Amino acid sequence: MTHKRLLDCSASELLPMDKDALIYAVRASEGRVVVSETIGMTSPLLHNITNAELAASQGADIVLINMFDSENPIIHGMPANIAPEQILHELCRLTGRIIGVNLEAVDPDFDATHLDGLQMVPGRAATAENACRLVQMGAKILVLTGNPNNGVSNRALAKAAKMIREAVGNSALIITGKMHGAGIVQESGSDILTEQDIAEFVHQGVDVVLVPAPGTLPGMSQQKVASLIECIHSHGALAMTAIGTSQEGADVNTIRQIALMSKMAGADLHHIGDTGYIGMALPENIMAYSIAIRGIRHTYTRMARSINR
């Protein structure tokens, strides 16, 4: 396979990428990769079109699916009669994008029961079985993280990363980290991640470490995030900044500011969250983020390039 910047890849080049090719493509893009998170189980913004397709249309390079139950896979807006085991393969085909899926590493010491729609189900747990099932379904990226209040700790994330790397080998890119405290107050704000956590994640086989974007958590300044990303890079891993605090629903000027601070901090990938309204970022914010980190030319190219190329 010819190694290219992810920026320059069409669907026919993205979809067959293995882990090593994807890592090269991200590195070569020099901080200009947009990852848009969407929820498949909620009603899509455009009724009969998936949120993933809408996110792709606004310039997302990679689409990440949150709250996806691998045992009962549902993505609303998909064509009828898609076999469950083909749902992610079909989403790859429809979007022309690489698809990732979140898995949650709940720490038994912090497990919480709540009734706000985010509560855990077995098919979303960060287990080797779920990871292998998702890879077979078409996921090329596995993001080990946590939704609000579910009790996901860095210790549990490292343990899950080890098990999942051993199970899936090099068949998927593994991203690990937290966008917010995920139910653990001791691991929130500026204490959400330490250099020791980063070293442990990479030691357990993680390819990309996720850190909150500057301005999204108390104390996560550009300088703080830059220091964490410098540590991530020193261990040979990539860094992804993430907006997981519903600021994906903020005004465009706020999005641009977060985008530029993230790029100045050293982000290799830029994640934008799934709850502008529930289900995905405001579409205009995905485009605004993309334009801020790579300009109109690359943004419009990604938006306009046919999935049949």
C-alpha atoms as a PDB file:
ATOM      1  CA  MET A   1       0.000   0.000   0.000  1.00  0.00           C
ATOM      2  CA  THR A   2       1.243   3.459  -0.884  1.00  0.00           C
ATOM      3  CA  HIS A   3       1.690   5.552   2.220  1.00  0.00           C
ATOM      4  CA  LYS A   4      -0.153   8.862   1.971  1.00  0.00           C
ATOM      5  CA  ARG A   5      -1.326  11.636   4.234  1.00  0.00           C
ATOM      6  CA  LEU A   6      -4.795  10.893   5.538  1.00  0.00           C
ATOM      7  CA  LEU A   7      -5.668  14.360   4.228  1.00  0.00           C
ATOM      8  CA  ASP A   8      -5.140  13.124   0.674  1.00  0.00           C
ATOM      9  CA  CYS A   9      -6.790   9.704   0.884  1.00  0.00           C
ATOM     10  CA  SER A  10      -9.992   8.813  -0.909  1.00  0.00           C
ATOM     11  CA  ALA A  11     -12.417   6.153   0.303  1.00  0.00           C
ATOM     12  CA  SER A  12     -10.754   3.372  -1.704  1.00  0.00           C
ATOM     13  CA  GLU A  13      -7.469   4.180   0.069  1.00  0.00           C
ATOM     14  CA  LEU A  14      -8.898   4.708   3.552  1.00  0.00           C
ATOM     15  CA  LEU A  15     -11.034   1.599   3.897  1.00  0.00           C
ATOM     16  CA  PRO A  16      -8.318  -1.062   3.363  1.00  0.00           C
ATOM     17  CA  MET A  17      -5.801   0.666   5.677  1.00  0.00           C
ATOM     18  CA  ASP A  18      -4.212  -1.451   8.359  1.00  0.00           C
ATOM     19  CA  LYS A  19      -3.040  -0.046  11.686  1.00  0.00           C
ATOM     20  CA  ASP A  20       0.464   0.853  10.530  1.00  0.00           C
ATOM     21  CA  ALA A  21      -0.773   2.615   7.393  1.00  0.00           C
ATOM     22  CA  LEU A  22      -3.307   4.559   9.443  1.00  0.00           C
ATOM     23  CA  ILE A  23      -0.671   5.662  11.970  1.00  0.00           C
ATOM     24  CA  TYR A  24       1.574   6.841   9.127  1.00  0.00           C
ATOM     25  CA  ALA A  25      -1.318   8.676   7.459  1.00  0.00           C
ATOM     26  CA  VAL A  26      -2.149  10.512  10.693  1.00  0.00           C
ATOM     27  CA  ARG A  27       1.471  11.429  11.451  1.00  0.00           C
ATOM     28  CA  ALA A  28       1.989  12.695   7.915  1.00  0.00           C
ATOM     29  CA  SER A  29      -1.081  14.927   8.182  1.00  0.00           C
ATOM     30  CA  GLU A  30       0.648  17.019  10.871  1.00  0.00           C
ATOM     31  CA  GLY A  31      -2.234  17.754  13.202  1.00  0.00           C
ATOM     32  CA  ARG A  32      -4.961  18.043  10.571  1.00  0.00           C
ATOM     33  CA  VAL A  33      -7.197  15.024  11.220  1.00  0.00           C
ATOM     34  CA  VAL A  34     -10.785  15.503  12.414  1.00  0.00           C
ATOM     35  CA  VAL A  35     -12.540  12.769  14.421  1.00  0.00           C
ATOM     36  CA  SER A  36     -16.280  13.319  14.882  1.00  0.00           C
ATOM     37  CA  GLU A  37     -18.123  11.314  17.513  1.00  0.00           C
ATOM     38  CA  THR A  38     -21.769  10.395  16.935  1.00  0.00           C
ATOM     39  CA  ILE A  39     -24.410   8.312  18.722  1.00  0.00           C
ATOM     40  CA  GLY A  40     -26.184   5.665  16.669  1.00  0.00           C
ATOM     41  CA  MET A  41     -28.901   4.730  19.148  1.00  0.00           C
ATOM     42  CA  THR A  42     -30.525   8.191  19.174  1.00  0.00           C
ATOM     43  CA  SER A  43     -32.763   9.600  16.457  1.00  0.00           C
ATOM     44  CA  PRO A  44     -30.543  11.189  13.814  1.00  0.00           C
ATOM     45  CA  LEU A  45     -30.728  14.921  13.187  1.00  0.00           C
ATOM     46  CA  LEU A  46     -31.883  14.351   9.600  1.00  0.00           C
ATOM     47  CA  HIS A  47     -34.343  11.546  10.387  1.00  0.00           C
ATOM     48  CA  ASN A  48     -33.424   9.035   7.663  1.00  0.00           C
ATOM     49  CA  ILE A  49     -29.697   9.767   7.305  1.00  0.00           C
ATOM     50  CA  THR A  50     -27.247   8.595   9.953  1.00  0.00           C
ATOM     51  CA  ASN A  51     -25.466  11.132  12.102  1.00  0.00           C
ATOM     52  CA  ALA A  52     -22.249   9.527  10.860  1.00  0.00           C
ATOM     53  CA  GLU A  53     -23.084  10.470   7.268  1.00  0.00           C
ATOM     54  CA  LEU A  54     -23.931  14.025   8.305  1.00  0.00           C
ATOM     55  CA  ALA A  55     -20.652  14.338  10.231  1.00  0.00           C
ATOM     56  CA  ALA A  56     -18.731  13.019   7.229  1.00  0.00           C
ATOM     57  CA  SER A  57     -20.440  15.570   4.989  1.00  0.00           C
ATOM     58  CA  GLN A  58     -19.089  18.394   7.173  1.00  0.00           C
ATOM     59  CA  GLY A  59     -15.440  17.378   6.867  1.00  0.00           C
ATOM     60  CA  ALA A  60     -14.846  14.582   9.401  1.00  0.00           C
ATOM     61  CA  ASP A  61     -12.051  12.201   8.386  1.00  0.00           C
ATOM     62  CA  ILE A  62     -12.882   9.553  10.981  1.00  0.00           C
ATOM     63  CA  VAL A  63     -16.292   8.826  12.515  1.00  0.00           C
ATOM     64  CA  LEU A  64     -16.475   7.461  16.041  1.00  0.00           C
ATOM     65  CA  ILE A  65     -19.633   5.713  17.275  1.00  0.00           C
ATOM     66  CA  ASN A  66     -20.524   6.102  20.954  1.00  0.00           C
ATOM     67  CA  MET A  67     -22.916   3.954  23.017  1.00  0.00           C
ATOM     68  CA  PHE A  68     -22.824   1.181  20.405  1.00  0.00           C
ATOM     69  CA  ASP A  69     -23.957  -2.148  21.866  1.00  0.00           C
ATOM     70  CA  SER A  70     -21.948  -4.816  20.072  1.00  0.00           C
ATOM     71  CA  GLU A  71     -24.450  -7.453  21.223  1.00  0.00           C
ATOM     72  CA  ASN A  72     -27.426  -5.496  19.915  1.00  0.00           C
ATOM     73  CA  PRO A  73     -26.033  -3.183  17.231  1.00  0.00           C
ATOM     74  CA  ILE A  74     -28.268  -0.281  16.264  1.00  0.00           C
ATOM     75  CA  ILE A  75     -27.518   2.797  14.171  1.00  0.00           C
ATOM     76  CA  HIS A  76     -30.656   4.736  13.369  1.00  0.00           C
ATOM     77  CA  GLY A  77     -30.901   6.111   9.851  1.00  0.00           C
ATOM     78  CA  MET A  78     -29.279   3.079   8.216  1.00  0.00           C
ATOM     79  CA  PRO A  79     -31.018   1.420   5.267  1.00  0.00           C
ATOM     80  CA  ALA A  80     -33.449  -1.324   6.233  1.00  0.00           C
ATOM     81  CA  ASN A  81     -32.539  -5.001   6.442  1.00  0.00           C
ATOM     82  CA  ILE A  82     -28.809  -4.628   7.123  1.00  0.00           C
ATOM     83  CA  ALA A  83     -27.592  -7.726   8.968  1.00  0.00           C
ATOM     84  CA  PRO A  84     -26.310  -6.803  12.445  1.00  0.00           C
ATOM     85  CA  GLU A  85     -22.838  -8.171  11.727  1.00  0.00           C
ATOM     86  CA  GLN A  86     -22.635  -5.980   8.602  1.00  0.00           C
ATOM     87  CA  ILE A  87     -23.769  -2.697  10.126  1.00  0.00           C
ATOM     88  CA  LEU A  88     -20.311  -1.138  10.556  1.00  0.00           C
ATOM     89  CA  HIS A  89     -19.078  -2.435   7.196  1.00  0.00           C
ATOM     90  CA  GLU A  90     -22.111  -0.811   5.592  1.00  0.00           C
ATOM     91  CA  LEU A  91     -21.507   2.440   7.474  1.00  0.00           C
ATOM     92  CA  CYS A  92     -17.927   2.454   6.176  1.00  0.00           C
ATOM     93  CA  ARG A  93     -19.283   2.059   2.663  1.00  0.00           C
ATOM     94  CA  LEU A  94     -21.927   4.753   3.025  1.00  0.00           C
ATOM     95  CA  THR A  95     -19.574   7.330   4.541  1.00  0.00           C
ATOM     96  CA  GLY A  96     -16.304   6.452   2.840  1.00  0.00           C
ATOM     97  CA  ARG A  97     -14.668   6.972   6.230  1.00  0.00           C
ATOM     98  CA  ILE A  98     -12.778   4.925   8.776  1.00  0.00           C
ATOM     99  CA  ILE A  99     -15.136   3.939  11.600  1.00  0.00           C
ATOM    100  CA  GLY A 100     -14.202   3.673  15.267  1.00  0.00           C
ATOM    101  CA  VAL A 101     -16.269   2.538  18.249  1.00  0.00           C
ATOM    102  CA  ASN A 102     -16.116   3.445  21.950  1.00  0.00           C
ATOM    103  CA  LEU A 103     -15.734   0.789  24.629  1.00  0.00           C
ATOM    104  CA  GLU A 104     -15.982   1.567  28.351  1.00  0.00           C
ATOM    105  CA  ALA A 105     -13.638   0.241  31.026  1.00  0.00           C
ATOM    106  CA  VAL A 106     -15.727   0.386  34.191  1.00  0.00           C
ATOM    107  CA  ASP A 107     -13.749   0.022  37.411  1.00  0.00           C
ATOM    108  CA  PRO A 108     -15.629  -2.305  39.821  1.00  0.00           C
ATOM    109  CA  ASP A 109     -14.564  -0.052  42.716  1.00  0.00           C
ATOM    110  CA  PHE A 110     -16.407   2.883  41.149  1.00  0.00           C
ATOM    111  CA  ASP A 111     -19.265   1.181  39.303  1.00  0.00           C
ATOM    112  CA  ALA A 112     -22.359   3.355  39.449  1.00  0.00           C
ATOM    113  CA  THR A 113     -26.036   2.794  38.729  1.00  0.00           C
ATOM    114  CA  HIS A 114     -27.904   5.682  37.151  1.00  0.00           C
ATOM    115  CA  LEU A 115     -30.923   6.111  34.939  1.00  0.00           C
ATOM    116  CA  ASP A 116     -30.013   8.899  32.529  1.00  0.00           C
ATOM    117  CA  GLY A 117     -29.723   6.760  29.401  1.00  0.00           C
ATOM    118  CA  LEU A 118     -25.938   6.381  29.624  1.00  0.00           C
ATOM    119  CA  GLN A 119     -25.886   3.391  31.953  1.00  0.00           C
ATOM    120  CA  MET A 120     -23.674   0.517  30.918  1.00  0.00           C
ATOM    121  CA  VAL A 121     -24.740  -2.611  29.076  1.00  0.00           C
ATOM    122  CA  PRO A 122     -22.478  -5.635  28.569  1.00  0.00           C
ATOM    123  CA  GLY A 123     -22.041  -5.034  24.819  1.00  0.00           C
ATOM    124  CA  ARG A 124     -20.354  -1.663  25.473  1.00  0.00           C
ATOM    125  CA  ALA A 125     -17.798  -2.973  27.972  1.00  0.00           C
ATOM    126  CA  ALA A 126     -14.096  -2.882  27.137  1.00  0.00           C
ATOM    127  CA  THR A 127     -13.649  -6.647  26.933  1.00  0.00           C
ATOM    128  CA  ALA A 128     -11.613  -8.763  24.551  1.00  0.00           C
ATOM    129  CA  GLU A 129     -14.787 -10.444  23.293  1.00  0.00           C
ATOM    130  CA  ASN A 130     -16.494  -7.155  22.414  1.00  0.00           C
ATOM    131  CA  ALA A 131     -13.330  -5.791  20.815  1.00  0.00           C
ATOM    132  CA  CYS A 132     -12.935  -8.826  18.552  1.00  0.00           C
ATOM    133  CA  ARG A 133     -16.619  -8.674  17.612  1.00  0.00           C
ATOM    134  CA  LEU A 134     -16.328  -5.000  16.653  1.00  0.00           C
ATOM    135  CA  VAL A 135     -13.251  -5.614  14.515  1.00  0.00           C
ATOM    136  CA  GLN A 136     -15.103  -8.369  12.669  1.00  0.00           C
ATOM    137  CA  MET A 137     -18.007  -5.944  12.153  1.00  0.00           C
ATOM    138  CA  GLY A 138     -15.727  -3.393  10.506  1.00  0.00           C
ATOM    139  CA  ALA A 139     -14.315  -1.137  13.244  1.00  0.00           C
ATOM    140  CA  LYS A 140     -10.727  -0.097  12.550  1.00  0.00           C
ATOM    141  CA  ILE A 141     -10.379   2.000  15.702  1.00  0.00           C
ATOM    142  CA  LEU A 142     -11.279   1.053  19.284  1.00  0.00           C
ATOM    143  CA  VAL A 143     -11.523   3.926  21.747  1.00  0.00           C
ATOM    144  CA  LEU A 144     -11.317   2.863  25.385  1.00  0.00           C
ATOM    145  CA  THR A 145     -12.925   5.636  27.422  1.00  0.00           C
ATOM    146  CA  GLY A 146     -16.041   6.296  29.491  1.00  0.00           C
ATOM    147  CA  ASN A 147     -19.386   8.057  29.418  1.00  0.00           C
ATOM    148  CA  PRO A 148     -20.439  10.331  32.317  1.00  0.00           C
ATOM    149  CA  ASN A 149     -20.901   8.739  35.761  1.00  0.00           C
ATOM    150  CA  ASN A 150     -20.054   5.191  34.666  1.00  0.00           C
ATOM    151  CA  GLY A 151     -17.015   4.821  36.931  1.00  0.00           C
ATOM    152  CA  VAL A 152     -14.193   4.488  34.394  1.00  0.00           C
ATOM    153  CA  SER A 153     -10.705   4.779  35.903  1.00  0.00           C
ATOM    154  CA  ASN A 154      -7.265   5.041  34.326  1.00  0.00           C
ATOM    155  CA  ARG A 155      -6.331   1.818  36.099  1.00  0.00           C
ATOM    156  CA  ALA A 156      -9.252   0.001  34.457  1.00  0.00           C
ATOM    157  CA  LEU A 157      -8.420   1.553  31.080  1.00  0.00           C
ATOM    158  CA  ALA A 158      -4.829   0.270  31.217  1.00  0.00           C
ATOM    159  CA  LYS A 159      -5.982  -3.221  32.185  1.00  0.00           C
ATOM    160  CA  ALA A 160      -8.539  -3.265  29.358  1.00  0.00           C
ATOM    161  CA  ALA A 161      -5.974  -1.990  26.845  1.00  0.00           C
ATOM    162  CA  LYS A 162      -3.652  -4.893  27.644  1.00  0.00           C
ATOM    163  CA  MET A 163      -6.397  -7.497  27.205  1.00  0.00           C
ATOM    164  CA  ILE A 164      -7.730  -5.950  24.013  1.00  0.00           C
ATOM    165  CA  ARG A 165      -4.298  -5.515  22.403  1.00  0.00           C
ATOM    166  CA  GLU A 166      -3.563  -9.181  23.055  1.00  0.00           C
ATOM    167  CA  ALA A 167      -6.937 -10.153  21.586  1.00  0.00           C
ATOM    168  CA  VAL A 168      -7.018  -8.025  18.429  1.00  0.00           C
ATOM    169  CA  GLY A 169      -3.292  -7.814  17.698  1.00  0.00           C
ATOM    170  CA  ASN A 170      -2.595  -5.268  14.982  1.00  0.00           C
ATOM    171  CA  SER A 171      -6.063  -5.447  13.438  1.00  0.00           C
ATOM    172  CA  ALA A 172      -7.216  -2.214  15.113  1.00  0.00           C
ATOM    173  CA  LEU A 173      -5.823   1.095  16.295  1.00  0.00           C
ATOM    174  CA  ILE A 174      -6.337   1.482  20.059  1.00  0.00           C
ATOM    175  CA  ILE A 175      -7.015   4.906  21.570  1.00  0.00           C
ATOM    176  CA  THR A 176      -7.233   5.205  25.354  1.00  0.00           C
ATOM    177  CA  GLY A 177      -8.036   8.025  27.770  1.00  0.00           C
ATOM    178  CA  LYS A 178     -10.812  10.114  29.289  1.00  0.00           C
ATOM    179  CA  MET A 179     -12.558  13.268  28.066  1.00  0.00           C
ATOM    180  CA  HIS A 180     -13.943  14.006  31.551  1.00  0.00           C
ATOM    181  CA  GLY A 181     -13.956  12.339  34.961  1.00  0.00           C
ATOM    182  CA  ALA A 182     -16.378   9.597  33.824  1.00  0.00           C
ATOM    183  CA  GLY A 183     -17.732   9.283  37.343  1.00  0.00           C
ATOM    184  CA  ILE A 184     -14.452   9.471  39.278  1.00  0.00           C
ATOM    185  CA  VAL A 185     -13.940  12.836  40.966  1.00  0.00           C
ATOM    186  CA  GLN A 186     -10.336  12.015  41.896  1.00  0.00           C
ATOM    187  CA  GLU A 187      -9.535  11.687  38.173  1.00  0.00           C
ATOM    188  CA  SER A 188     -11.088  14.860  36.851  1.00  0.00           C
ATOM    189  CA  GLY A 189     -10.086  18.404  36.000  1.00  0.00           C
ATOM    190  CA  SER A 190      -6.342  18.868  35.772  1.00  0.00           C
ATOM    191  CA  ASP A 191      -5.845  15.536  37.605  1.00  0.00           C
ATOM    192  CA  ILE A 192      -7.547  13.495  34.893  1.00  0.00           C
ATOM    193  CA  LEU A 193      -4.290  12.065  33.537  1.00  0.00           C
ATOM    194  CA  THR A 194      -0.718  11.794  34.819  1.00  0.00           C
ATOM    195  CA  GLU A 195       2.550  11.079  33.068  1.00  0.00           C
ATOM    196  CA  GLN A 196       2.549   7.704  34.857  1.00  0.00           C
ATOM    197  CA  ASP A 197      -0.861   6.916  33.345  1.00  0.00           C
ATOM    198  CA  ILE A 198       0.455   7.790  29.893  1.00  0.00           C
ATOM    199  CA  ALA A 199       3.506   5.548  30.289  1.00  0.00           C
ATOM    200  CA  GLU A 200       1.299   2.667  31.461  1.00  0.00           C
ATOM    201  CA  PHE A 201      -1.150   3.074  28.574  1.00  0.00           C
ATOM    202  CA  VAL A 202       1.643   2.955  25.987  1.00  0.00           C
ATOM    203  CA  HIS A 203       3.310   0.032  27.771  1.00  0.00           C
ATOM    204  CA  GLN A 204       0.047  -1.907  27.434  1.00  0.00           C
ATOM    205  CA  GLY A 205      -0.064  -1.400  23.661  1.00  0.00           C
ATOM    206  CA  VAL A 206      -2.030   1.819  23.198  1.00  0.00           C
ATOM    207  CA  ASP A 207      -1.357   3.629  19.908  1.00  0.00           C
ATOM    208  CA  VAL A 208      -3.034   6.957  20.704  1.00  0.00           C
ATOM    209  CA  VAL A 209      -3.551   8.587  24.098  1.00  0.00           C
ATOM    210  CA  LEU A 210      -6.676  10.702  24.478  1.00  0.00           C
ATOM    211  CA  VAL A 211      -6.507  13.922  26.504  1.00  0.00           C
ATOM    212  CA  PRO A 212      -9.168  16.587  27.078  1.00  0.00           C
ATOM    213  CA  ALA A 213      -8.760  19.532  24.723  1.00  0.00           C
ATOM    214  CA  PRO A 214      -7.569  22.816  26.228  1.00  0.00           C
ATOM    215  CA  GLY A 215     -10.458  24.810  27.622  1.00  0.00           C
ATOM    216  CA  THR A 216     -12.762  21.822  28.087  1.00  0.00           C
ATOM    217  CA  LEU A 217     -11.996  20.899  31.721  1.00  0.00           C
ATOM    218  CA  PRO A 218     -11.018  23.083  34.675  1.00  0.00           C
ATOM    219  CA  GLY A 219      -7.251  23.469  34.719  1.00  0.00           C
ATOM    220  CA  MET A 220      -6.692  21.973  31.258  1.00  0.00           C
ATOM    221  CA  SER A 221      -4.875  24.964  29.826  1.00  0.00           C
ATOM    222  CA  GLN A 222      -2.993  24.931  26.561  1.00  0.00           C
ATOM    223  CA  GLN A 223       0.244  24.653  28.543  1.00  0.00           C
ATOM    224  CA  LYS A 224      -1.045  21.732  30.640  1.00  0.00           C
ATOM    225  CA  VAL A 225      -2.229  19.821  27.580  1.00  0.00           C
ATOM    226  CA  ALA A 226       1.012  20.593  25.725  1.00  0.00           C
ATOM    227  CA  SER A 227       2.987  19.083  28.610  1.00  0.00           C
ATOM    228  CA  LEU A 228       0.891  15.895  28.527  1.00  0.00           C
ATOM    229  CA  ILE A 229       1.196  15.630  24.743  1.00  0.00           C
ATOM    230  CA  GLU A 230       4.967  16.083  24.942  1.00  0.00           C
ATOM    231  CA  CYS A 231       5.009  13.114  27.325  1.00  0.00           C
ATOM    232  CA  ILE A 232       2.797  11.072  24.969  1.00  0.00           C
ATOM    233  CA  HIS A 233       5.079  11.774  22.023  1.00  0.00           C
ATOM    234  CA  SER A 234       8.188  10.954  24.073  1.00  0.00           C
ATOM    235  CA  HIS A 235       6.766   7.440  24.535  1.00  0.00           C
ATOM    236  CA  GLY A 236       6.254   7.079  20.773  1.00  0.00           C
ATOM    237  CA  ALA A 237       2.456   7.328  20.770  1.00  0.00           C
ATOM    238  CA  LEU A 238       0.117   9.758  19.024  1.00  0.00           C
ATOM    239  CA  ALA A 239      -2.095  12.239  20.890  1.00  0.00           C
ATOM    240  CA  MET A 240      -5.774  13.025  20.383  1.00  0.00           C
ATOM    241  CA  THR A 241      -7.388  16.024  22.044  1.00  0.00           C
ATOM    242  CA  ALA A 242     -11.089  15.607  22.753  1.00  0.00           C
ATOM    243  CA  ILE A 243     -14.119  17.800  23.333  1.00  0.00           C
ATOM    244  CA  GLY A 244     -16.287  15.668  25.599  1.00  0.00           C
ATOM    245  CA  THR A 245     -17.975  18.399  27.619  1.00  0.00           C
ATOM    246  CA  SER A 246     -20.856  19.357  25.288  1.00  0.00           C
ATOM    247  CA  GLN A 247     -18.842  22.343  24.027  1.00  0.00           C
ATOM    248  CA  GLU A 248     -19.353  20.783  20.618  1.00  0.00           C
ATOM    249  CA  GLY A 249     -22.634  22.668  20.996  1.00  0.00           C
ATOM    250  CA  ALA A 250     -20.961  26.012  21.753  1.00  0.00           C
ATOM    251  CA  ASP A 251     -20.677  28.949  19.355  1.00  0.00           C
ATOM    252  CA  VAL A 252     -18.340  28.757  16.388  1.00  0.00           C
ATOM    253  CA  ASN A 253     -15.821  31.186  17.893  1.00  0.00           C
ATOM    254  CA  THR A 254     -15.382  28.930  20.933  1.00  0.00           C
ATOM    255  CA  ILE A 255     -14.828  25.924  18.658  1.00  0.00           C
ATOM    256  CA  ARG A 256     -12.171  27.778  16.677  1.00  0.00           C
ATOM    257  CA  GLN A 257     -10.380  28.755  19.875  1.00  0.00           C
ATOM    258  CA  ILE A 258     -10.354  25.174  21.180  1.00  0.00           C
ATOM    259  CA  ALA A 259      -9.172  23.932  17.784  1.00  0.00           C
ATOM    260  CA  LEU A 260      -6.215  26.300  17.607  1.00  0.00           C
ATOM    261  CA  MET A 261      -5.223  25.721  21.245  1.00  0.00           C
ATOM    262  CA  SER A 262      -5.315  21.965  20.596  1.00  0.00           C
ATOM    263  CA  LYS A 263      -3.138  22.299  17.529  1.00  0.00           C
ATOM    264  CA  MET A 264      -0.656  24.545  19.358  1.00  0.00           C
ATOM    265  CA  ALA A 265      -0.556  21.976  22.169  1.00  0.00           C
ATOM    266  CA  GLY A 266       0.555  19.342  19.651  1.00  0.00           C
ATOM    267  CA  ALA A 267      -2.547  17.262  18.866  1.00  0.00           C
ATOM    268  CA  ASP A 268      -2.177  14.691  16.081  1.00  0.00           C
ATOM    269  CA  LEU A 269      -5.925  14.038  15.964  1.00  0.00           C
ATOM    270  CA  HIS A 270      -8.753  16.380  16.913  1.00  0.00           C
ATOM    271  CA  HIS A 271     -11.910  14.861  18.380  1.00  0.00           C
ATOM    272  CA  ILE A 272     -15.221  16.717  18.556  1.00  0.00           C
ATOM    273  CA  GLY A 273     -17.971  15.217  20.699  1.00  0.00           C
ATOM    274  CA  ASP A 274     -21.465  13.847  20.160  1.00  0.00           C
ATOM    275  CA  THR A 275     -23.775  16.179  22.039  1.00  0.00           C
ATOM    276  CA  GLY A 276     -24.299  19.551  20.417  1.00  0.00           C
ATOM    277  CA  TYR A 277     -27.808  18.359  20.520  1.00  0.00           C
ATOM    278  CA  ILE A 278     -27.932  14.720  21.533  1.00  0.00           C
ATOM    279  CA  GLY A 279     -26.325  12.507  18.891  1.00  0.00           C
ATOM    280  CA  MET A 280     -23.568  14.600  17.296  1.00  0.00           C
ATOM    281  CA  ALA A 281     -21.798  17.952  17.315  1.00  0.00           C
ATOM    282  CA  LEU A 282     -23.522  20.877  15.675  1.00  0.00           C
ATOM    283  CA  PRO A 283     -22.749  20.266  11.977  1.00  0.00           C
ATOM    284  CA  GLU A 284     -21.462  23.816  11.480  1.00  0.00           C
ATOM    285  CA  ASN A 285     -18.995  23.269  14.335  1.00  0.00           C
ATOM    286  CA  ILE A 286     -17.467  20.225  12.651  1.00  0.00           C
ATOM    287  CA  MET A 287     -16.824  22.339   9.567  1.00  0.00           C
ATOM    288  CA  ALA A 288     -15.567  25.279  11.627  1.00  0.00           C
ATOM    289  CA  TYR A 289     -13.137  23.040  13.505  1.00  0.00           C
ATOM    290  CA  SER A 290     -11.850  21.573  10.260  1.00  0.00           C
ATOM    291  CA  ILE A 291     -11.358  24.991   8.670  1.00  0.00           C
ATOM    292  CA  ALA A 292      -9.539  26.275  11.768  1.00  0.00           C
ATOM    293  CA  ILE A 293      -6.908  23.499  11.732  1.00  0.00           C
ATOM    294  CA  ARG A 294      -6.455  23.031   7.971  1.00  0.00           C
ATOM    295  CA  GLY A 295      -8.257  25.713   5.997  1.00  0.00           C
ATOM    296  CA  ILE A 296     -10.946  25.780   3.350  1.00  0.00           C
ATOM    297  CA  ARG A 297      -8.997  23.813   0.733  1.00  0.00           C
ATOM    298  CA  HIS A 298      -8.586  20.615   2.739  1.00  0.00           C
ATOM    299  CA  THR A 299     -12.012  20.952   4.360  1.00  0.00           C
ATOM    300  CA  TYR A 300     -13.880  21.320   1.080  1.00  0.00           C
ATOM    301  CA  THR A 301     -11.773  18.568  -0.469  1.00  0.00           C
ATOM    302  CA  ARG A 302     -12.809  16.134   2.251  1.00  0.00           C
ATOM    303  CA  MET A 303     -16.447  17.239   1.997  1.00  0.00           C
ATOM    304  CA  ALA A 304     -16.602  17.068  -1.797  1.00  0.00           C
ATOM    305  CA  ARG A 305     -14.555  13.957  -2.552  1.00  0.00           C
ATOM    306  CA  SER A 306     -16.886  11.207  -3.757  1.00  0.00           C
ATOM    307  CA  ILE A 307     -16.994   7.964  -1.771  1.00  0.00           C
ATOM    308  CA  ASN A 308     -16.762   6.208  -5.149  1.00  0.00           C
ATOM    309  CA  ARG A 309     -13.205   7.429  -5.738  1.00  0.00           C
END
